[in-house]
N, C-alpha and C. Protein backbone atom coordinates (compact mmCIF):
# COMPACT_ATOMS: atom_id res chain seq x y z
N GLN A 1 -30.98 31.89 -31.32
CA GLN A 1 -30.48 31.70 -29.73
C GLN A 1 -29.54 30.08 -29.51
N VAL A 2 -28.68 30.49 -28.51
CA VAL A 2 -27.29 29.68 -28.57
C VAL A 2 -27.56 29.39 -26.93
N GLN A 3 -27.49 27.99 -26.96
CA GLN A 3 -27.13 27.20 -25.44
C GLN A 3 -25.94 27.10 -25.17
N LEU A 4 -25.34 27.03 -23.79
CA LEU A 4 -23.75 26.92 -23.69
C LEU A 4 -23.90 26.26 -22.50
N VAL A 5 -23.19 25.31 -22.78
CA VAL A 5 -23.08 24.42 -21.58
C VAL A 5 -21.74 23.63 -21.00
N GLU A 6 -21.37 24.47 -19.97
CA GLU A 6 -19.59 23.93 -19.30
C GLU A 6 -19.79 22.43 -18.80
N SER A 7 -18.78 21.90 -18.90
CA SER A 7 -18.27 20.77 -18.07
C SER A 7 -16.67 20.79 -18.15
N GLY A 8 -16.18 19.65 -16.94
CA GLY A 8 -14.96 19.59 -16.65
C GLY A 8 -14.58 20.18 -15.93
N GLY A 9 -15.45 20.75 -14.66
CA GLY A 9 -15.29 21.20 -13.53
C GLY A 9 -14.65 20.54 -12.30
N GLY A 10 -14.32 20.97 -11.17
CA GLY A 10 -14.08 19.66 -10.10
C GLY A 10 -13.31 20.15 -9.02
N LEU A 11 -12.35 19.59 -7.96
CA LEU A 11 -11.61 19.87 -7.34
C LEU A 11 -10.09 19.11 -7.71
N VAL A 12 -9.05 20.18 -7.33
CA VAL A 12 -8.06 19.89 -7.89
C VAL A 12 -7.15 20.85 -6.94
N GLN A 13 -5.82 19.75 -6.85
CA GLN A 13 -5.02 20.55 -5.80
C GLN A 13 -3.81 21.38 -6.61
N ALA A 14 -3.71 22.48 -5.71
CA ALA A 14 -2.76 23.06 -6.33
C ALA A 14 -1.39 22.84 -6.80
N GLY A 15 -1.32 23.20 -8.17
CA GLY A 15 -0.28 23.14 -8.88
C GLY A 15 -1.27 22.06 -10.21
N GLY A 16 -2.24 21.66 -9.70
CA GLY A 16 -2.56 20.91 -10.78
C GLY A 16 -3.79 21.41 -12.05
N SER A 17 -3.99 20.40 -12.70
CA SER A 17 -4.62 21.05 -14.18
C SER A 17 -5.74 20.60 -14.47
N LEU A 18 -6.83 21.50 -14.84
CA LEU A 18 -7.89 20.69 -15.56
C LEU A 18 -8.32 21.47 -16.66
N ARG A 19 -9.05 20.99 -17.59
CA ARG A 19 -9.79 21.17 -19.06
C ARG A 19 -11.29 21.59 -18.95
N LEU A 20 -11.72 22.68 -18.59
CA LEU A 20 -13.06 23.42 -18.95
C LEU A 20 -13.50 22.90 -20.39
N SER A 21 -14.45 22.41 -20.41
CA SER A 21 -15.27 22.50 -22.17
C SER A 21 -16.40 23.31 -22.12
N CYS A 22 -17.14 23.88 -23.17
CA CYS A 22 -17.95 24.78 -23.45
C CYS A 22 -18.89 24.20 -24.68
N ALA A 23 -19.93 23.49 -24.82
CA ALA A 23 -20.58 23.12 -26.00
C ALA A 23 -21.40 24.06 -26.06
N ALA A 24 -21.58 24.51 -27.42
CA ALA A 24 -22.73 25.83 -27.79
C ALA A 24 -23.39 24.54 -28.73
N SER A 25 -24.82 24.88 -28.59
CA SER A 25 -25.70 24.41 -29.48
C SER A 25 -27.05 25.26 -29.73
N GLY A 26 -27.73 25.56 -30.96
CA GLY A 26 -28.42 26.41 -31.67
C GLY A 26 -27.67 26.81 -32.88
N ARG A 27 -27.32 28.08 -32.97
CA ARG A 27 -27.05 28.74 -33.69
C ARG A 27 -25.04 28.47 -33.78
N SER A 28 -24.36 28.26 -34.90
CA SER A 28 -23.47 27.87 -35.19
C SER A 28 -22.49 28.90 -34.63
N SER A 29 -21.40 28.66 -33.58
CA SER A 29 -20.78 29.15 -32.94
C SER A 29 -19.45 29.68 -33.30
N SER A 30 -18.95 29.72 -34.83
CA SER A 30 -18.06 29.67 -35.10
C SER A 30 -17.93 31.43 -35.81
N ASN A 31 -19.01 31.72 -35.84
CA ASN A 31 -18.71 33.43 -36.28
C ASN A 31 -18.71 34.63 -35.21
N TYR A 32 -18.84 34.26 -33.89
CA TYR A 32 -18.47 34.87 -33.15
C TYR A 32 -17.82 34.54 -32.08
N PRO A 33 -17.02 35.62 -31.13
CA PRO A 33 -16.62 35.57 -30.08
C PRO A 33 -16.75 34.98 -28.91
N MET A 34 -16.11 33.97 -28.42
CA MET A 34 -16.61 33.14 -27.01
C MET A 34 -15.34 33.67 -25.97
N ALA A 35 -15.75 33.32 -24.48
CA ALA A 35 -14.96 33.72 -23.47
C ALA A 35 -15.61 33.12 -22.42
N TRP A 36 -14.24 33.29 -21.41
CA TRP A 36 -14.76 32.70 -20.27
C TRP A 36 -14.64 33.82 -18.93
N PHE A 37 -15.24 33.34 -18.06
CA PHE A 37 -15.01 34.63 -17.19
C PHE A 37 -15.34 33.34 -15.40
N ARG A 38 -14.76 34.07 -14.72
CA ARG A 38 -15.11 32.93 -13.42
C ARG A 38 -15.61 34.51 -12.34
N GLN A 39 -16.13 33.80 -11.31
CA GLN A 39 -16.85 34.89 -10.55
C GLN A 39 -16.56 33.73 -9.11
N ALA A 40 -15.52 34.41 -7.68
CA ALA A 40 -15.62 33.83 -6.41
C ALA A 40 -16.59 34.81 -5.33
N PRO A 41 -16.83 34.04 -4.91
CA PRO A 41 -17.71 34.72 -3.68
C PRO A 41 -17.33 35.86 -3.11
N GLY A 42 -18.42 36.47 -3.47
CA GLY A 42 -18.33 38.21 -2.81
C GLY A 42 -17.48 39.04 -4.24
N LYS A 43 -16.98 38.70 -5.03
CA LYS A 43 -16.46 39.50 -6.01
C LYS A 43 -16.79 39.45 -7.37
N GLU A 44 -16.98 40.39 -8.10
CA GLU A 44 -17.50 40.75 -8.98
C GLU A 44 -17.26 39.68 -9.98
N ARG A 45 -17.51 39.33 -11.55
CA ARG A 45 -17.46 38.51 -12.42
C ARG A 45 -16.00 39.12 -13.31
N GLU A 46 -15.40 38.25 -13.03
CA GLU A 46 -14.08 38.46 -13.65
C GLU A 46 -13.57 38.00 -15.23
N PHE A 47 -13.18 38.79 -16.11
CA PHE A 47 -12.57 38.21 -17.56
C PHE A 47 -11.54 37.05 -17.45
N VAL A 48 -11.25 36.28 -17.90
CA VAL A 48 -10.43 35.16 -18.05
C VAL A 48 -9.96 35.18 -19.27
N ALA A 49 -10.67 34.79 -20.30
CA ALA A 49 -9.84 34.60 -21.49
C ALA A 49 -11.20 35.01 -22.47
N THR A 50 -10.73 35.18 -23.88
CA THR A 50 -11.57 35.18 -24.84
C THR A 50 -10.64 35.18 -26.35
N ILE A 51 -11.64 34.36 -26.97
CA ILE A 51 -11.55 33.71 -28.32
C ILE A 51 -12.19 34.05 -29.53
N SER A 52 -11.89 34.56 -30.76
CA SER A 52 -12.06 35.37 -31.74
C SER A 52 -12.92 34.11 -32.42
N GLY A 53 -13.55 34.44 -33.44
CA GLY A 53 -14.63 33.29 -34.01
C GLY A 53 -13.41 32.52 -35.22
N ILE A 54 -13.75 32.92 -36.39
CA ILE A 54 -12.70 31.97 -37.44
C ILE A 54 -11.36 32.28 -37.40
N GLY A 55 -10.41 33.33 -37.04
CA GLY A 55 -9.15 33.54 -36.93
C GLY A 55 -8.78 32.81 -35.51
N GLY A 56 -9.35 32.78 -34.45
CA GLY A 56 -9.01 31.96 -33.60
C GLY A 56 -7.83 32.86 -32.59
N ARG A 57 -8.19 34.42 -33.03
CA ARG A 57 -7.07 35.22 -31.88
C ARG A 57 -7.97 35.19 -30.62
N THR A 58 -6.55 35.35 -29.53
CA THR A 58 -6.70 35.01 -27.93
C THR A 58 -6.61 35.74 -27.16
N ASP A 59 -7.15 36.53 -25.97
CA ASP A 59 -6.17 37.12 -25.24
C ASP A 59 -6.65 36.45 -23.78
N TYR A 60 -5.66 37.25 -22.88
CA TYR A 60 -6.17 36.58 -21.55
C TYR A 60 -6.01 37.62 -20.65
N GLY A 61 -6.84 37.22 -19.60
CA GLY A 61 -6.57 38.30 -18.13
C GLY A 61 -5.58 38.30 -17.46
N ASP A 62 -5.09 39.43 -16.79
CA ASP A 62 -3.78 39.18 -15.80
C ASP A 62 -3.44 37.65 -15.27
N SER A 63 -4.74 37.42 -14.58
CA SER A 63 -4.50 36.19 -14.14
C SER A 63 -4.56 34.93 -14.18
N ALA A 64 -4.83 35.15 -15.38
CA ALA A 64 -4.87 33.80 -16.75
C ALA A 64 -3.15 33.49 -17.48
N LYS A 65 -3.00 34.46 -17.72
CA LYS A 65 -1.76 34.76 -18.76
C LYS A 65 -0.73 34.01 -18.32
N GLY A 66 0.01 32.85 -19.17
CA GLY A 66 0.86 31.91 -18.53
C GLY A 66 0.59 30.65 -18.20
N ARG A 67 -0.47 30.71 -17.63
CA ARG A 67 -1.12 29.56 -17.55
C ARG A 67 -2.15 28.65 -17.82
N PHE A 68 -3.33 29.44 -18.15
CA PHE A 68 -4.46 29.18 -18.72
C PHE A 68 -4.31 29.12 -20.72
N THR A 69 -5.13 28.53 -21.23
CA THR A 69 -5.33 28.30 -23.00
C THR A 69 -6.52 28.25 -23.13
N ILE A 70 -6.95 29.25 -24.08
CA ILE A 70 -8.03 28.85 -24.56
C ILE A 70 -8.56 28.47 -26.02
N SER A 71 -8.72 27.77 -26.38
CA SER A 71 -8.98 27.13 -27.72
C SER A 71 -10.26 27.00 -28.31
N ARG A 72 -10.46 26.56 -29.47
CA ARG A 72 -11.85 26.13 -30.11
C ARG A 72 -11.84 25.56 -30.98
N ASP A 73 -13.24 24.27 -30.84
CA ASP A 73 -12.73 23.52 -32.36
C ASP A 73 -14.29 24.02 -32.79
N ASN A 74 -14.28 24.65 -33.82
CA ASN A 74 -15.76 24.81 -34.78
C ASN A 74 -16.31 23.95 -34.98
N ALA A 75 -15.49 22.76 -35.79
CA ALA A 75 -16.26 21.87 -36.24
C ALA A 75 -17.39 21.10 -35.42
N LYS A 76 -16.83 21.27 -34.12
CA LYS A 76 -17.78 20.58 -32.59
C LYS A 76 -18.19 21.75 -31.92
N ASN A 77 -18.19 23.14 -32.45
CA ASN A 77 -18.78 24.17 -31.25
C ASN A 77 -18.77 24.14 -30.06
N THR A 78 -17.33 23.98 -29.70
CA THR A 78 -16.80 23.85 -28.60
C THR A 78 -15.38 24.46 -28.37
N VAL A 79 -15.47 25.40 -27.17
CA VAL A 79 -14.59 26.00 -26.75
C VAL A 79 -13.73 25.08 -25.52
N PHE A 80 -12.91 25.60 -25.26
CA PHE A 80 -12.07 24.90 -24.00
C PHE A 80 -11.05 26.09 -23.67
N LEU A 81 -10.78 25.50 -22.33
CA LEU A 81 -9.72 26.33 -20.94
C LEU A 81 -9.10 25.55 -20.70
N GLN A 82 -8.11 25.17 -20.93
CA GLN A 82 -7.22 24.49 -20.21
C GLN A 82 -6.61 25.29 -19.01
N MET A 83 -6.47 24.99 -18.21
CA MET A 83 -6.09 25.76 -16.65
C MET A 83 -4.93 24.59 -15.86
N ASP A 84 -3.37 25.41 -16.03
CA ASP A 84 -2.37 24.48 -15.44
C ASP A 84 -2.00 25.76 -14.73
N SER A 85 -0.72 24.69 -13.32
CA SER A 85 -0.41 25.26 -12.40
C SER A 85 -1.67 26.32 -11.88
N LEU A 86 -2.72 25.56 -11.48
CA LEU A 86 -3.97 26.10 -10.82
C LEU A 86 -3.35 26.41 -9.21
N LYS A 87 -3.96 27.87 -8.53
CA LYS A 87 -3.65 28.00 -7.22
C LYS A 87 -4.97 28.12 -6.90
N PRO A 88 -4.91 28.00 -5.15
CA PRO A 88 -6.20 28.22 -4.54
C PRO A 88 -6.87 29.51 -5.12
N GLU A 89 -6.20 30.65 -5.21
CA GLU A 89 -7.07 32.05 -5.97
C GLU A 89 -7.93 31.77 -7.12
N ASP A 90 -7.69 30.47 -7.97
CA ASP A 90 -8.33 30.46 -9.08
C ASP A 90 -9.90 29.63 -8.60
N THR A 91 -10.14 29.68 -7.54
CA THR A 91 -11.39 28.71 -7.42
C THR A 91 -12.63 29.90 -7.14
N ALA A 92 -13.34 29.16 -7.94
CA ALA A 92 -14.43 30.28 -8.54
C ALA A 92 -15.46 29.35 -9.30
N VAL A 93 -16.60 29.79 -9.59
CA VAL A 93 -17.40 29.32 -10.67
C VAL A 93 -17.29 29.82 -12.02
N TYR A 94 -16.77 29.28 -13.05
CA TYR A 94 -16.30 29.77 -14.52
C TYR A 94 -17.69 29.31 -15.36
N TYR A 95 -17.65 30.49 -15.87
CA TYR A 95 -18.60 30.83 -17.23
C TYR A 95 -18.20 30.53 -18.28
N CYS A 96 -18.77 30.10 -19.45
CA CYS A 96 -18.77 30.48 -20.73
C CYS A 96 -19.57 31.52 -21.23
N ALA A 97 -19.06 32.39 -22.36
CA ALA A 97 -19.69 33.24 -22.65
C ALA A 97 -19.72 33.01 -23.99
N ALA A 98 -21.08 33.45 -24.96
CA ALA A 98 -20.89 34.04 -26.27
C ALA A 98 -21.21 35.06 -26.68
N TRP A 99 -21.01 36.18 -28.13
CA TRP A 99 -21.70 37.06 -28.54
C TRP A 99 -21.63 38.41 -27.60
N PRO A 100 -20.46 38.51 -27.57
CA PRO A 100 -20.17 40.15 -26.90
C PRO A 100 -20.79 41.12 -27.48
N LEU A 101 -21.96 41.90 -26.15
CA LEU A 101 -22.61 42.96 -26.53
C LEU A 101 -22.23 44.15 -26.93
N GLY A 102 -20.51 44.13 -26.50
CA GLY A 102 -19.49 45.40 -26.31
C GLY A 102 -17.95 45.05 -26.18
N SER A 103 -17.45 45.34 -25.32
CA SER A 103 -16.41 45.07 -25.01
C SER A 103 -16.09 43.47 -25.17
N ASP A 104 -14.90 42.80 -25.26
CA ASP A 104 -14.55 41.58 -25.12
C ASP A 104 -14.42 40.74 -23.70
N TYR A 105 -14.19 42.04 -23.18
CA TYR A 105 -13.28 41.85 -21.92
C TYR A 105 -14.37 42.20 -21.10
N LEU A 106 -15.77 42.63 -21.10
CA LEU A 106 -16.54 42.89 -20.06
C LEU A 106 -17.93 41.41 -19.56
N PRO A 107 -18.65 41.51 -18.92
CA PRO A 107 -19.36 40.65 -18.99
C PRO A 107 -20.59 40.69 -19.33
N THR A 108 -20.38 41.06 -20.71
CA THR A 108 -21.74 42.31 -21.25
C THR A 108 -22.03 41.00 -22.46
N TYR A 109 -22.07 39.99 -22.02
CA TYR A 109 -22.30 38.75 -23.73
C TYR A 109 -24.02 38.35 -23.43
N ARG A 110 -24.20 37.84 -24.83
CA ARG A 110 -25.38 37.85 -24.62
C ARG A 110 -26.15 36.78 -24.21
N TYR A 111 -25.17 35.46 -24.55
CA TYR A 111 -25.37 34.22 -23.95
C TYR A 111 -24.34 33.31 -23.06
N TRP A 112 -24.87 33.26 -22.08
CA TRP A 112 -23.94 32.72 -20.78
C TRP A 112 -24.52 31.37 -20.32
N GLY A 113 -23.78 30.25 -20.53
CA GLY A 113 -23.76 28.97 -19.40
C GLY A 113 -23.94 29.05 -17.93
N GLN A 114 -24.16 28.00 -17.39
CA GLN A 114 -25.10 27.56 -16.47
C GLN A 114 -23.93 27.91 -14.97
N GLY A 115 -22.89 27.98 -15.77
CA GLY A 115 -21.09 27.69 -14.56
C GLY A 115 -20.87 26.80 -14.12
N ILE A 116 -19.82 26.62 -13.98
CA ILE A 116 -19.16 25.06 -13.39
C ILE A 116 -17.95 25.26 -12.43
N GLN A 117 -18.32 24.47 -11.13
CA GLN A 117 -17.22 25.19 -9.79
C GLN A 117 -15.55 24.60 -10.28
N VAL A 118 -15.27 25.26 -10.00
CA VAL A 118 -13.80 24.45 -9.83
C VAL A 118 -12.93 24.88 -8.45
N THR A 119 -12.80 23.95 -7.77
CA THR A 119 -11.90 24.10 -6.51
C THR A 119 -10.33 23.95 -6.71
N VAL A 120 -9.41 24.94 -6.04
CA VAL A 120 -8.46 24.54 -5.81
C VAL A 120 -7.87 24.38 -4.20
N SER A 121 -7.12 23.22 -3.74
CA SER A 121 -7.08 23.30 -2.57
C SER A 121 -5.66 23.69 -2.43
N SER A 122 -5.41 23.84 -1.41
CA SER A 122 -3.97 24.09 -1.17
C SER A 122 -3.16 22.79 -0.24
């Protein structure tokens, strides 16, 4: 069993930055991929970024490329999402996920955090 807890969300002006953290407890997180998704009101959950286990290979959704950076600290069982040049359309609830059951890019992960609100004002 794995528990995921997100932190670091909040309100920021357009053009600003936020750093989200996802702390994993329970089973060691270093052996499996982790990802960030987001969901805006009335929209489907959207893939943001993923990072592999030991190797640290990363990939990003189109909306995140060039602005967001995913990283992980396996010693601390924590994954980060650095978000720069934020736009109002980035406003959403952001979810941390671990252990994909299929594609890394689909919201079909075994474990999910509770979600954290990110609001970008114009």
